[in-house]
Amino acid sequence: MKIKRSFSYLMMALNEIEEHLRLQANSQNEKLIFASIILIAEEQNGCAYIEYIKTHKLTNKIPLPSLYRGLNVLIEQKKIYHIGRERSGVYALSELDISL
C-alpha cells in the first residue's frame, strides 16, 4: 500500500512539472530531449552541445532523425533555441521558468 501511495505522489508531481513546463502535448522523445538539455546546460555554462545530447543517458537510444525532429519541435515551441550558424550544434534553453 505504501508503494502505491508513493507512486501516486510521484505521478502527481510529474504531471505538475509537465504542466508547469507546458509539456503535456509533447512526445516522450521531446520530453527526454528537453530534460537532457536542461541537465547538460546546467553543467556546461548554459549551452548544450549536440554531441552531449546524442550521448546523454536520457537520449542515447533515440534514433537520430527523431532526435533532430524533437529538437526542431522544441525550437518551434520556443522552449530551446539554436546558437550560432545552422550547423553549429549548440542549443540553449529559452527564457523559461524551469524552477518549481
PDB file of N, CA and C in Angstrom:
ATOM      1  N   MET A   1       0.817  -1.186   0.000  1.00  0.00           N
ATOM      2  CA  MET A   1       0.000   0.000   0.000  1.00  0.00           C
ATOM      3  C   MET A   1       0.868   1.260   0.000  1.00  0.00           C
ATOM      4  N   LYS A   2       1.955   1.259   0.769  1.00  0.00           N
ATOM      5  CA  LYS A   2       2.833   2.408   0.855  1.00  0.00           C
ATOM      6  C   LYS A   2       3.481   2.693  -0.508  1.00  0.00           C
ATOM      7  N   ILE A   3       3.851   1.650  -1.248  1.00  0.00           N
ATOM      8  CA  ILE A   3       4.463   1.809  -2.563  1.00  0.00           C
ATOM      9  C   ILE A   3       3.463   2.438  -3.528  1.00  0.00           C
ATOM     10  N   LYS A   4       2.221   2.008  -3.508  1.00  0.00           N
ATOM     11  CA  LYS A   4       1.200   2.568  -4.384  1.00  0.00           C
ATOM     12  C   LYS A   4       0.994   4.049  -4.091  1.00  0.00           C
ATOM     13  N   ARG A   5       0.983   4.420  -2.830  1.00  0.00           N
ATOM     14  CA  ARG A   5       0.794   5.812  -2.454  1.00  0.00           C
ATOM     15  C   ARG A   5       1.987   6.650  -2.922  1.00  0.00           C
ATOM     16  N   SER A   6       3.200   6.134  -2.742  1.00  0.00           N
ATOM     17  CA  SER A   6       4.397   6.848  -3.184  1.00  0.00           C
ATOM     18  C   SER A   6       4.393   7.030  -4.702  1.00  0.00           C
ATOM     19  N   PHE A   7       4.006   5.992  -5.412  1.00  0.00           N
ATOM     20  CA  PHE A   7       3.934   6.056  -6.868  1.00  0.00           C
ATOM     21  C   PHE A   7       2.901   7.097  -7.293  1.00  0.00           C
ATOM     22  N   SER A   8       1.789   7.124  -6.603  1.00  0.00           N
ATOM     23  CA  SER A   8       0.737   8.090  -6.904  1.00  0.00           C
ATOM     24  C   SER A   8       1.238   9.519  -6.718  1.00  0.00           C
ATOM     25  N   TYR A   9       1.969   9.774  -5.623  1.00  0.00           N
ATOM     26  CA  TYR A   9       2.534  11.103  -5.378  1.00  0.00           C
ATOM     27  C   TYR A   9       3.557  11.469  -6.456  1.00  0.00           C
ATOM     28  N   LEU A  10       4.356  10.497  -6.851  1.00  0.00           N
ATOM     29  CA  LEU A  10       5.352  10.726  -7.893  1.00  0.00           C
ATOM     30  C   LEU A  10       4.671  11.103  -9.208  1.00  0.00           C
ATOM     31  N   MET A  11       3.634  10.390  -9.574  1.00  0.00           N
ATOM     32  CA  MET A  11       2.915  10.678 -10.816  1.00  0.00           C
ATOM     33  C   MET A  11       2.274  12.065 -10.760  1.00  0.00           C
ATOM     34  N   MET A  12       1.735  12.444  -9.620  1.00  0.00           N
ATOM     35  CA  MET A  12       1.147  13.777  -9.479  1.00  0.00           C
ATOM     36  C   MET A  12       2.229  14.848  -9.631  1.00  0.00           C
ATOM     37  N   ALA A  13       3.386  14.610  -9.065  1.00  0.00           N
ATOM     38  CA  ALA A  13       4.492  15.567  -9.170  1.00  0.00           C
ATOM     39  C   ALA A  13       4.951  15.694 -10.620  1.00  0.00           C
ATOM     40  N   LEU A  14       5.062  14.572 -11.318  1.00  0.00           N
ATOM     41  CA  LEU A  14       5.458  14.609 -12.726  1.00  0.00           C
ATOM     42  C   LEU A  14       4.440  15.363 -13.563  1.00  0.00           C
ATOM     43  N   ASN A  15       3.171  15.148 -13.288  1.00  0.00           N
ATOM     44  CA  ASN A  15       2.128  15.872 -14.017  1.00  0.00           C
ATOM     45  C   ASN A  15       2.223  17.370 -13.766  1.00  0.00           C
ATOM     46  N   GLU A  16       2.499  17.756 -12.534  1.00  0.00           N
ATOM     47  CA  GLU A  16       2.649  19.175 -12.208  1.00  0.00           C
ATOM     48  C   GLU A  16       3.834  19.781 -12.948  1.00  0.00           C
ATOM     49  N   ILE A  17       4.932  19.052 -13.019  1.00  0.00           N
ATOM     50  CA  ILE A  17       6.113  19.536 -13.732  1.00  0.00           C
ATOM     51  C   ILE A  17       5.791  19.705 -15.215  1.00  0.00           C
ATOM     52  N   GLU A  18       5.136  18.714 -15.809  1.00  0.00           N
ATOM     53  CA  GLU A  18       4.767  18.807 -17.226  1.00  0.00           C
ATOM     54  C   GLU A  18       3.854  19.998 -17.474  1.00  0.00           C
ATOM     55  N   GLU A  19       2.901  20.229 -16.588  1.00  0.00           N
ATOM     56  CA  GLU A  19       2.007  21.383 -16.734  1.00  0.00           C
ATOM     57  C   GLU A  19       2.794  22.681 -16.612  1.00  0.00           C
ATOM     58  N   HIS A  20       3.666  22.764 -15.623  1.00  0.00           N
ATOM     59  CA  HIS A  20       4.458  23.971 -15.388  1.00  0.00           C
ATOM     60  C   HIS A  20       5.309  24.310 -16.610  1.00  0.00           C
ATOM     61  N   LEU A  21       5.892  23.296 -17.237  1.00  0.00           N
ATOM     62  CA  LEU A  21       6.757  23.499 -18.395  1.00  0.00           C
ATOM     63  C   LEU A  21       5.998  23.427 -19.723  1.00  0.00           C
ATOM     64  N   ARG A  22       4.695  23.258 -19.650  1.00  0.00           N
ATOM     65  CA  ARG A  22       3.823  23.155 -20.844  1.00  0.00           C
ATOM     66  C   ARG A  22       4.314  22.047 -21.785  1.00  0.00           C
ATOM     67  N   LEU A  23       4.506  20.847 -21.224  1.00  0.00           N
ATOM     68  CA  LEU A  23       4.995  19.702 -21.996  1.00  0.00           C
ATOM     69  C   LEU A  23       3.942  18.616 -22.193  1.00  0.00           C
ATOM     70  N   GLN A  24       2.696  18.856 -21.785  1.00  0.00           N
ATOM     71  CA  GLN A  24       1.685  17.799 -21.835  1.00  0.00           C
ATOM     72  C   GLN A  24       1.496  17.248 -23.247  1.00  0.00           C
ATOM     73  N   ALA A  25       1.551  18.103 -24.266  1.00  0.00           N
ATOM     74  CA  ALA A  25       1.296  17.662 -25.642  1.00  0.00           C
ATOM     75  C   ALA A  25       2.558  17.134 -26.336  1.00  0.00           C
ATOM     76  N   ASN A  26       3.709  17.250 -25.696  1.00  0.00           N
ATOM     77  CA  ASN A  26       4.954  16.788 -26.317  1.00  0.00           C
ATOM     78  C   ASN A  26       5.081  15.275 -26.237  1.00  0.00           C
ATOM     79  N   SER A  27       5.803  14.726 -27.217  1.00  0.00           N
ATOM     80  CA  SER A  27       6.060  13.286 -27.228  1.00  0.00           C
ATOM     81  C   SER A  27       7.056  12.933 -26.123  1.00  0.00           C
ATOM     82  N   GLN A  28       7.157  11.663 -25.840  1.00  0.00           N
ATOM     83  CA  GLN A  28       8.120  11.194 -24.838  1.00  0.00           C
ATOM     84  C   GLN A  28       9.543  11.560 -25.245  1.00  0.00           C
ATOM     85  N   ASN A  29       9.867  11.391 -26.530  1.00  0.00           N
ATOM     86  CA  ASN A  29      11.205  11.749 -27.005  1.00  0.00           C
ATOM     87  C   ASN A  29      11.488  13.226 -26.784  1.00  0.00           C
ATOM     88  N   GLU A  30      10.531  14.091 -27.091  1.00  0.00           N
ATOM     89  CA  GLU A  30      10.719  15.528 -26.906  1.00  0.00           C
ATOM     90  C   GLU A  30      10.934  15.869 -25.433  1.00  0.00           C
ATOM     91  N   LYS A  31      10.212  15.205 -24.560  1.00  0.00           N
ATOM     92  CA  LYS A  31      10.391  15.427 -23.121  1.00  0.00           C
ATOM     93  C   LYS A  31      11.787  14.995 -22.673  1.00  0.00           C
ATOM     94  N   LEU A  32      12.250  13.857 -23.187  1.00  0.00           N
ATOM     95  CA  LEU A  32      13.589  13.370 -22.831  1.00  0.00           C
ATOM     96  C   LEU A  32      14.673  14.297 -23.373  1.00  0.00           C
ATOM     97  N   ILE A  33      14.489  14.778 -24.595  1.00  0.00           N
ATOM     98  CA  ILE A  33      15.458  15.700 -25.186  1.00  0.00           C
ATOM     99  C   ILE A  33      15.513  16.982 -24.364  1.00  0.00           C
ATOM    100  N   PHE A  34      14.354  17.522 -24.012  1.00  0.00           N
ATOM    101  CA  PHE A  34      14.286  18.747 -23.222  1.00  0.00           C
ATOM    102  C   PHE A  34      14.958  18.550 -21.863  1.00  0.00           C
ATOM    103  N   ALA A  35      14.670  17.434 -21.217  1.00  0.00           N
ATOM    104  CA  ALA A  35      15.280  17.143 -19.911  1.00  0.00           C
ATOM    105  C   ALA A  35      16.796  17.036 -20.036  1.00  0.00           C
ATOM    106  N   SER A  36      17.272  16.391 -21.092  1.00  0.00           N
ATOM    107  CA  SER A  36      18.723  16.265 -21.269  1.00  0.00           C
ATOM    108  C   SER A  36      19.365  17.632 -21.494  1.00  0.00           C
ATOM    109  N   ILE A  37      18.710  18.497 -22.247  1.00  0.00           N
ATOM    110  CA  ILE A  37      19.258  19.832 -22.490  1.00  0.00           C
ATOM    111  C   ILE A  37      19.317  20.619 -21.186  1.00  0.00           C
ATOM    112  N   ILE A  38      18.297  20.502 -20.355  1.00  0.00           N
ATOM    113  CA  ILE A  38      18.317  21.178 -19.047  1.00  0.00           C
ATOM    114  C   ILE A  38      19.528  20.712 -18.242  1.00  0.00           C
ATOM    115  N   LEU A  39      19.729  19.397 -18.179  1.00  0.00           N
ATOM    116  CA  LEU A  39      20.832  18.848 -17.386  1.00  0.00           C
ATOM    117  C   LEU A  39      22.197  19.206 -17.965  1.00  0.00           C
ATOM    118  N   ILE A  40      22.325  19.107 -19.283  1.00  0.00           N
ATOM    119  CA  ILE A  40      23.607  19.404 -19.933  1.00  0.00           C
ATOM    120  C   ILE A  40      23.929  20.893 -19.799  1.00  0.00           C
ATOM    121  N   ALA A  41      22.946  21.740 -20.055  1.00  0.00           N
ATOM    122  CA  ALA A  41      23.167  23.190 -19.987  1.00  0.00           C
ATOM    123  C   ALA A  41      23.582  23.610 -18.579  1.00  0.00           C
ATOM    124  N   GLU A  42      23.043  22.946 -17.596  1.00  0.00           N
ATOM    125  CA  GLU A  42      23.411  23.252 -16.205  1.00  0.00           C
ATOM    126  C   GLU A  42      24.899  22.949 -15.967  1.00  0.00           C
ATOM    127  N   GLU A  43      25.402  21.900 -16.587  1.00  0.00           N
ATOM    128  CA  GLU A  43      26.809  21.508 -16.411  1.00  0.00           C
ATOM    129  C   GLU A  43      27.758  22.265 -17.336  1.00  0.00           C
ATOM    130  N   GLN A  44      27.241  22.793 -18.455  1.00  0.00           N
ATOM    131  CA  GLN A  44      28.087  23.379 -19.500  1.00  0.00           C
ATOM    132  C   GLN A  44      27.868  24.890 -19.655  1.00  0.00           C
ATOM    133  N   ASN A  45      27.656  25.586 -18.570  1.00  0.00           N
ATOM    134  CA  ASN A  45      27.521  27.047 -18.605  1.00  0.00           C
ATOM    135  C   ASN A  45      26.417  27.544 -19.542  1.00  0.00           C
ATOM    136  N   GLY A  46      25.290  26.836 -19.542  1.00  0.00           N
ATOM    137  CA  GLY A  46      24.123  27.296 -20.296  1.00  0.00           C
ATOM    138  C   GLY A  46      24.004  26.776 -21.705  1.00  0.00           C
ATOM    139  N   CYS A  47      24.995  26.029 -22.193  1.00  0.00           N
ATOM    140  CA  CYS A  47      24.955  25.505 -23.561  1.00  0.00           C
ATOM    141  C   CYS A  47      24.865  23.981 -23.553  1.00  0.00           C
ATOM    142  N   ALA A  48      24.131  23.458 -24.523  1.00  0.00           N
ATOM    143  CA  ALA A  48      24.047  22.009 -24.701  1.00  0.00           C
ATOM    144  C   ALA A  48      24.530  21.681 -26.109  1.00  0.00           C
ATOM    145  N   TYR A  49      25.658  21.030 -26.199  1.00  0.00           N
ATOM    146  CA  TYR A  49      26.228  20.667 -27.491  1.00  0.00           C
ATOM    147  C   TYR A  49      25.598  19.376 -27.986  1.00  0.00           C
ATOM    148  N   ILE A  50      25.404  19.309 -29.297  1.00  0.00           N
ATOM    149  CA  ILE A  50      24.700  18.170 -29.888  1.00  0.00           C
ATOM    150  C   ILE A  50      25.374  16.842 -29.547  1.00  0.00           C
ATOM    151  N   GLU A  51      26.677  16.812 -29.458  1.00  0.00           N
ATOM    152  CA  GLU A  51      27.363  15.559 -29.119  1.00  0.00           C
ATOM    153  C   GLU A  51      26.981  15.083 -27.718  1.00  0.00           C
ATOM    154  N   TYR A  52      26.828  16.023 -26.797  1.00  0.00           N
ATOM    155  CA  TYR A  52      26.389  15.658 -25.445  1.00  0.00           C
ATOM    156  C   TYR A  52      24.935  15.206 -25.448  1.00  0.00           C
ATOM    157  N   ILE A  53      24.113  15.874 -26.263  1.00  0.00           N
ATOM    158  CA  ILE A  53      22.697  15.499 -26.337  1.00  0.00           C
ATOM    159  C   ILE A  53      22.567  14.090 -26.913  1.00  0.00           C
ATOM    160  N   LYS A  54      23.296  13.814 -27.986  1.00  0.00           N
ATOM    161  CA  LYS A  54      23.230  12.490 -28.633  1.00  0.00           C
ATOM    162  C   LYS A  54      23.648  11.368 -27.691  1.00  0.00           C
ATOM    163  N   THR A  55      24.605  11.637 -26.817  1.00  0.00           N
ATOM    164  CA  THR A  55      25.157  10.567 -25.984  1.00  0.00           C
ATOM    165  C   THR A  55      24.642  10.585 -24.545  1.00  0.00           C
ATOM    166  N   HIS A  56      23.763  11.516 -24.228  1.00  0.00           N
ATOM    167  CA  HIS A  56      23.232  11.602 -22.867  1.00  0.00           C
ATOM    168  C   HIS A  56      22.421  10.343 -22.557  1.00  0.00           C
ATOM    169  N   LYS A  57      22.428   9.921 -21.312  1.00  0.00           N
ATOM    170  CA  LYS A  57      21.741   8.680 -20.936  1.00  0.00           C
ATOM    171  C   LYS A  57      20.237   8.739 -21.185  1.00  0.00           C
ATOM    172  N   LEU A  58      19.655   9.925 -21.202  1.00  0.00           N
ATOM    173  CA  LEU A  58      18.218  10.039 -21.480  1.00  0.00           C
ATOM    174  C   LEU A  58      17.891   9.933 -22.965  1.00  0.00           C
ATOM    175  N   THR A  59      18.859  10.263 -23.820  1.00  0.00           N
ATOM    176  CA  THR A  59      18.566  10.366 -25.255  1.00  0.00           C
ATOM    177  C   THR A  59      19.386   9.438 -26.149  1.00  0.00           C
ATOM    178  N   ASN A  60      20.312   8.695 -25.598  1.00  0.00           N
ATOM    179  CA  ASN A  60      21.226   7.915 -26.452  1.00  0.00           C
ATOM    180  C   ASN A  60      20.537   6.794 -27.231  1.00  0.00           C
ATOM    181  N   LYS A  61      19.319   6.444 -26.878  1.00  0.00           N
ATOM    182  CA  LYS A  61      18.605   5.395 -27.611  1.00  0.00           C
ATOM    183  C   LYS A  61      17.590   5.972 -28.607  1.00  0.00           C
ATOM    184  N   ILE A  62      17.472   7.293 -28.650  1.00  0.00           N
ATOM    185  CA  ILE A  62      16.562   7.925 -29.609  1.00  0.00           C
ATOM    186  C   ILE A  62      17.257   7.953 -30.974  1.00  0.00           C
ATOM    187  N   PRO A  63      16.592   7.429 -32.015  1.00  0.00           N
ATOM    188  CA  PRO A  63      17.199   7.474 -33.356  1.00  0.00           C
ATOM    189  C   PRO A  63      17.483   8.925 -33.764  1.00  0.00           C
ATOM    190  N   LEU A  64      18.577   9.135 -34.487  1.00  0.00           N
ATOM    191  CA  LEU A  64      18.988  10.492 -34.844  1.00  0.00           C
ATOM    192  C   LEU A  64      17.904  11.299 -35.563  1.00  0.00           C
ATOM    193  N   PRO A  65      17.179  10.705 -36.535  1.00  0.00           N
ATOM    194  CA  PRO A  65      16.122  11.509 -37.160  1.00  0.00           C
ATOM    195  C   PRO A  65      15.067  11.982 -36.149  1.00  0.00           C
ATOM    196  N   SER A  66      14.730  11.137 -35.194  1.00  0.00           N
ATOM    197  CA  SER A  66      13.763  11.513 -34.161  1.00  0.00           C
ATOM    198  C   SER A  66      14.345  12.563 -33.223  1.00  0.00           C
ATOM    199  N   LEU A  67      15.631  12.459 -32.924  1.00  0.00           N
ATOM    200  CA  LEU A  67      16.297  13.438 -32.076  1.00  0.00           C
ATOM    201  C   LEU A  67      16.263  14.822 -32.726  1.00  0.00           C
ATOM    202  N   TYR A  68      16.635  14.897 -34.000  1.00  0.00           N
ATOM    203  CA  TYR A  68      16.634  16.181 -34.696  1.00  0.00           C
ATOM    204  C   TYR A  68      15.217  16.728 -34.866  1.00  0.00           C
ATOM    205  N   ARG A  69      14.264  15.850 -35.121  1.00  0.00           N
ATOM    206  CA  ARG A  69      12.866  16.278 -35.220  1.00  0.00           C
ATOM    207  C   ARG A  69      12.410  16.852 -33.881  1.00  0.00           C
ATOM    208  N   GLY A  70      12.772  16.188 -32.783  1.00  0.00           N
ATOM    209  CA  GLY A  70      12.423  16.666 -31.445  1.00  0.00           C
ATOM    210  C   GLY A  70      13.050  18.013 -31.144  1.00  0.00           C
ATOM    211  N   LEU A  71      14.308  18.193 -31.535  1.00  0.00           N
ATOM    212  CA  LEU A  71      14.967  19.489 -31.348  1.00  0.00           C
ATOM    213  C   LEU A  71      14.214  20.584 -32.103  1.00  0.00           C
ATOM    214  N   ASN A  72      13.824  20.280 -33.343  1.00  0.00           N
ATOM    215  CA  ASN A  72      13.096  21.272 -34.136  1.00  0.00           C
ATOM    216  C   ASN A  72      11.747  21.618 -33.520  1.00  0.00           C
ATOM    217  N   VAL A  73      11.053  20.625 -32.983  1.00  0.00           N
ATOM    218  CA  VAL A  73       9.766  20.889 -32.324  1.00  0.00           C
ATOM    219  C   VAL A  73       9.983  21.800 -31.118  1.00  0.00           C
ATOM    220  N   LEU A  74      10.986  21.498 -30.310  1.00  0.00           N
ATOM    221  CA  LEU A  74      11.271  22.314 -29.128  1.00  0.00           C
ATOM    222  C   LEU A  74      11.675  23.737 -29.502  1.00  0.00           C
ATOM    223  N   ILE A  75      12.360  23.897 -30.629  1.00  0.00           N
ATOM    224  CA  ILE A  75      12.707  25.237 -31.117  1.00  0.00           C
ATOM    225  C   ILE A  75      11.433  25.966 -31.554  1.00  0.00           C
ATOM    226  N   GLU A  76      10.581  25.282 -32.310  1.00  0.00           N
ATOM    227  CA  GLU A  76       9.320  25.888 -32.760  1.00  0.00           C
ATOM    228  C   GLU A  76       8.456  26.318 -31.580  1.00  0.00           C
ATOM    229  N   GLN A  77       8.482  25.544 -30.510  1.00  0.00           N
ATOM    230  CA  GLN A  77       7.700  25.859 -29.318  1.00  0.00           C
ATOM    231  C   GLN A  77       8.393  26.900 -28.428  1.00  0.00           C
ATOM    232  N   LYS A  78       9.575  27.326 -28.853  1.00  0.00           N
ATOM    233  CA  LYS A  78      10.365  28.328 -28.129  1.00  0.00           C
ATOM    234  C   LYS A  78      10.765  27.879 -26.722  1.00  0.00           C
ATOM    235  N   LYS A  79      10.964  26.575 -26.566  1.00  0.00           N
ATOM    236  CA  LYS A  79      11.464  26.032 -25.311  1.00  0.00           C
ATOM    237  C   LYS A  79      12.996  26.054 -25.300  1.00  0.00           C
ATOM    238  N   ILE A  80      13.582  25.916 -26.487  1.00  0.00           N
ATOM    239  CA  ILE A  80      15.031  25.993 -26.657  1.00  0.00           C
ATOM    240  C   ILE A  80      15.311  26.854 -27.882  1.00  0.00           C
ATOM    241  N   TYR A  81      16.567  27.221 -28.060  1.00  0.00           N
ATOM    242  CA  TYR A  81      16.948  27.886 -29.299  1.00  0.00           C
ATOM    243  C   TYR A  81      18.331  27.416 -29.722  1.00  0.00           C
ATOM    244  N   HIS A  82      18.593  27.577 -31.007  1.00  0.00           N
ATOM    245  CA  HIS A  82      19.846  27.168 -31.622  1.00  0.00           C
ATOM    246  C   HIS A  82      20.794  28.354 -31.585  1.00  0.00           C
ATOM    247  N   ILE A  83      22.047  28.102 -31.210  1.00  0.00           N
ATOM    248  CA  ILE A  83      23.056  29.157 -31.130  1.00  0.00           C
ATOM    249  C   ILE A  83      24.028  29.007 -32.295  1.00  0.00           C
ATOM    250  N   GLY A  84      24.364  30.097 -32.910  1.00  0.00           N
ATOM    251  CA  GLY A  84      25.389  30.087 -33.955  1.00  0.00           C
ATOM    252  C   GLY A  84      24.843  29.756 -35.327  1.00  0.00           C
ATOM    253  N   ARG A  85      25.749  29.336 -36.179  1.00  0.00           N
ATOM    254  CA  ARG A  85      25.393  29.021 -37.562  1.00  0.00           C
ATOM    255  C   ARG A  85      24.509  27.780 -37.623  1.00  0.00           C
ATOM    256  N   GLU A  86      23.955  27.558 -38.780  1.00  0.00           N
ATOM    257  CA  GLU A  86      22.984  26.474 -38.988  1.00  0.00           C
ATOM    258  C   GLU A  86      23.489  25.116 -38.499  1.00  0.00           C
ATOM    259  N   ARG A  87      24.739  24.823 -38.701  1.00  0.00           N
ATOM    260  CA  ARG A  87      25.273  23.504 -38.359  1.00  0.00           C
ATOM    261  C   ARG A  87      26.148  23.515 -37.112  1.00  0.00           C
ATOM    262  N   SER A  88      25.985  24.516 -36.267  1.00  0.00           N
ATOM    263  CA  SER A  88      26.862  24.630 -35.095  1.00  0.00           C
ATOM    264  C   SER A  88      26.603  23.544 -34.056  1.00  0.00           C
ATOM    265  N   GLY A  89      25.369  23.083 -33.931  1.00  0.00           N
ATOM    266  CA  GLY A  89      25.073  22.023 -32.965  1.00  0.00           C
ATOM    267  C   GLY A  89      25.105  22.474 -31.523  1.00  0.00           C
ATOM    268  N   VAL A  90      24.810  23.745 -31.288  1.00  0.00           N
ATOM    269  CA  VAL A  90      24.785  24.267 -29.927  1.00  0.00           C
ATOM    270  C   VAL A  90      23.380  24.780 -29.639  1.00  0.00           C
ATOM    271  N   TYR A  91      22.831  24.345 -28.505  1.00  0.00           N
ATOM    272  CA  TYR A  91      21.469  24.708 -28.108  1.00  0.00           C
ATOM    273  C   TYR A  91      21.470  25.274 -26.702  1.00  0.00           C
ATOM    274  N   ALA A  92      20.470  26.074 -26.413  1.00  0.00           N
ATOM    275  CA  ALA A  92      20.324  26.639 -25.065  1.00  0.00           C
ATOM    276  C   ALA A  92      18.839  26.715 -24.730  1.00  0.00           C
ATOM    277  N   LEU A  93      18.559  26.820 -23.466  1.00  0.00           N
ATOM    278  CA  LEU A  93      17.188  26.961 -23.000  1.00  0.00           C
ATOM    279  C   LEU A  93      16.689  28.365 -23.283  1.00  0.00           C
ATOM    280  N   SER A  94      15.445  28.474 -23.666  1.00  0.00           N
ATOM    281  CA  SER A  94      14.821  29.784 -23.795  1.00  0.00           C
ATOM    282  C   SER A  94      14.600  30.323 -22.406  1.00  0.00           C
ATOM    283  N   GLU A  95      14.129  31.504 -22.312  1.00  0.00           N
ATOM    284  CA  GLU A  95      13.911  32.145 -21.014  1.00  0.00           C
ATOM    285  C   GLU A  95      12.675  31.587 -20.333  1.00  0.00           C
ATOM    286  N   LEU A  96      12.616  30.290 -20.159  1.00  0.00           N
ATOM    287  CA  LEU A  96      11.511  29.644 -19.458  1.00  0.00           C
ATOM    288  C   LEU A  96      11.801  29.588 -17.986  1.00  0.00           C
ATOM    289  N   ASP A  97      10.766  29.632 -17.211  1.00  0.00           N
ATOM    290  CA  ASP A  97      10.917  29.466 -15.772  1.00  0.00           C
ATOM    291  C   ASP A  97      10.873  27.976 -15.472  1.00  0.00           C
ATOM    292  N   ILE A  98      12.049  27.336 -15.339  1.00  0.00           N
ATOM    293  CA  ILE A  98      12.084  25.902 -15.079  1.00  0.00           C
ATOM    294  C   ILE A  98      12.139  25.594 -13.595  1.00  0.00           C
ATOM    295  N   SER A  99      12.171  26.633 -12.764  1.00  0.00           N
ATOM    296  CA  SER A  99      12.169  26.394 -11.333  1.00  0.00           C
ATOM    297  C   SER A  99      10.761  26.017 -10.875  1.00  0.00           C
ATOM    298  N   LEU A 100      10.702  25.202  -9.877  1.00  0.00           N
ATOM    299  CA  LEU A 100       9.393  24.779  -9.348  1.00  0.00           C
ATOM    300  C   LEU A 100       9.200  25.247  -7.937  1.00  0.00           C
TER     301      LEU A 100
END
